[in-house]
Protein backbone atom coordinates (compact mmCIF):
# COMPACT_ATOMS: atom_id res chain seq x y z
CA MET A 1 -18.06 9.07 -7.59
CA LYS A 2 -19.15 9.09 -3.95
CA CYS A 3 -17.32 7.37 -1.13
CA ILE A 4 -19.09 4.20 -0.04
CA ILE A 5 -18.07 4.80 3.59
CA CYS A 6 -18.77 8.49 4.31
CA HIS A 7 -20.63 9.43 1.09
CA GLY A 8 -18.17 12.28 0.57
CA GLU A 9 -17.63 13.57 -2.93
CA GLN A 10 -14.01 14.66 -2.67
CA ILE A 11 -12.32 11.68 -4.31
CA SER A 12 -8.91 12.01 -5.94
CA GLN A 13 -5.82 10.08 -7.03
CA ALA A 14 -2.98 9.92 -4.52
CA GLU A 15 0.25 8.03 -4.01
CA VAL A 16 0.06 5.87 -0.90
CA PHE A 17 2.24 3.16 0.58
CA GLU A 18 0.97 -0.37 1.06
CA GLU A 19 2.85 -2.41 3.67
CA ILE A 20 3.72 -6.06 3.15
CA PRO A 21 4.91 -7.87 6.29
CA VAL A 22 7.94 -10.13 5.80
CA GLY A 23 8.92 -11.82 9.04
CA SER A 24 9.65 -8.99 11.46
CA ASP A 25 10.22 -6.54 8.59
CA ILE A 26 7.82 -4.44 6.53
CA VAL A 27 8.16 -3.76 2.80
CA ARG A 28 6.59 -0.45 1.72
CA VAL A 29 5.21 -0.44 -1.81
CA PRO A 30 4.25 2.91 -3.38
CA VAL A 31 1.02 2.73 -5.41
CA ARG A 32 -1.32 5.26 -6.98
CA VAL A 33 -4.93 4.76 -5.90
CA THR A 34 -8.20 6.65 -5.61
CA VAL A 35 -8.66 8.04 -2.09
CA CYS A 36 -11.56 9.76 -0.34
CA GLU A 37 -10.19 13.05 0.97
CA THR A 38 -12.81 13.11 3.73
CA CYS A 39 -12.35 9.73 5.44
CA GLY A 40 -9.26 8.24 3.74
CA GLU A 41 -10.98 5.20 2.23
CA ARG A 42 -8.84 3.74 -0.56
CA TYR A 43 -10.12 2.23 -3.82
CA TYR A 44 -7.88 -0.20 -5.70
CA ASP A 45 -8.28 -1.14 -9.33
CA ARG A 46 -7.54 -4.62 -10.63
CA ALA A 47 -4.13 -3.68 -12.08
CA THR A 48 -2.96 -2.25 -8.75
CA MET A 49 -4.10 -5.37 -6.89
CA ARG A 50 -2.25 -7.60 -9.37
CA HIS A 51 0.86 -5.45 -8.96
CA LEU A 52 0.71 -5.83 -5.16
CA GLU A 53 0.22 -9.60 -5.48
CA ARG A 54 3.28 -9.84 -7.78
CA VAL A 55 5.39 -7.78 -5.39
CA ARG A 56 4.28 -9.98 -2.47
CA GLU A 57 5.25 -13.13 -4.42
CA ASP A 58 8.59 -11.68 -5.53
CA VAL A 59 9.47 -10.62 -1.98
CA ALA A 60 8.50 -14.05 -0.62
CA ARG A 61 10.72 -15.74 -3.22
CA ASP A 62 13.55 -13.24 -2.64
CA ARG A 63 13.43 -12.13 -6.28
CA THR A 64 13.41 -8.38 -5.77
CA GLN A 65 15.86 -5.70 -4.72
CA LEU A 66 14.88 -3.98 -1.49
CA GLN A 67 16.27 -0.70 -0.21
CA VAL A 68 16.81 -0.24 3.53
CA ILE A 69 15.21 3.07 4.52
CA GLY A 70 15.28 2.99 8.31
CA LYS A 71 15.13 0.89 11.44
CA VAL A 72 12.54 -0.24 13.90
CA LEU A 73 13.86 -0.54 17.42
CA GLN A 74 12.31 -2.23 20.43
CA VAL A 75 12.97 -1.78 24.13
CA SER A 76 13.72 -5.10 25.75
């Protein structure tokens, strides 16, 4: 497989985090996807996309357990 962006040939599986915005918060979802090691382009299969859609729906309906892992602070 060649990357459609940079045409690089170093493509591998990697765990990445997708971010789902929820109000002023962000939910990080770990997923395994194919990634170009040269430019970072990500390739998602259908099952991964469905998983992300389900997580987004569950978070929106408050049907999932979320773990607090840090804070974002803003200077006023």
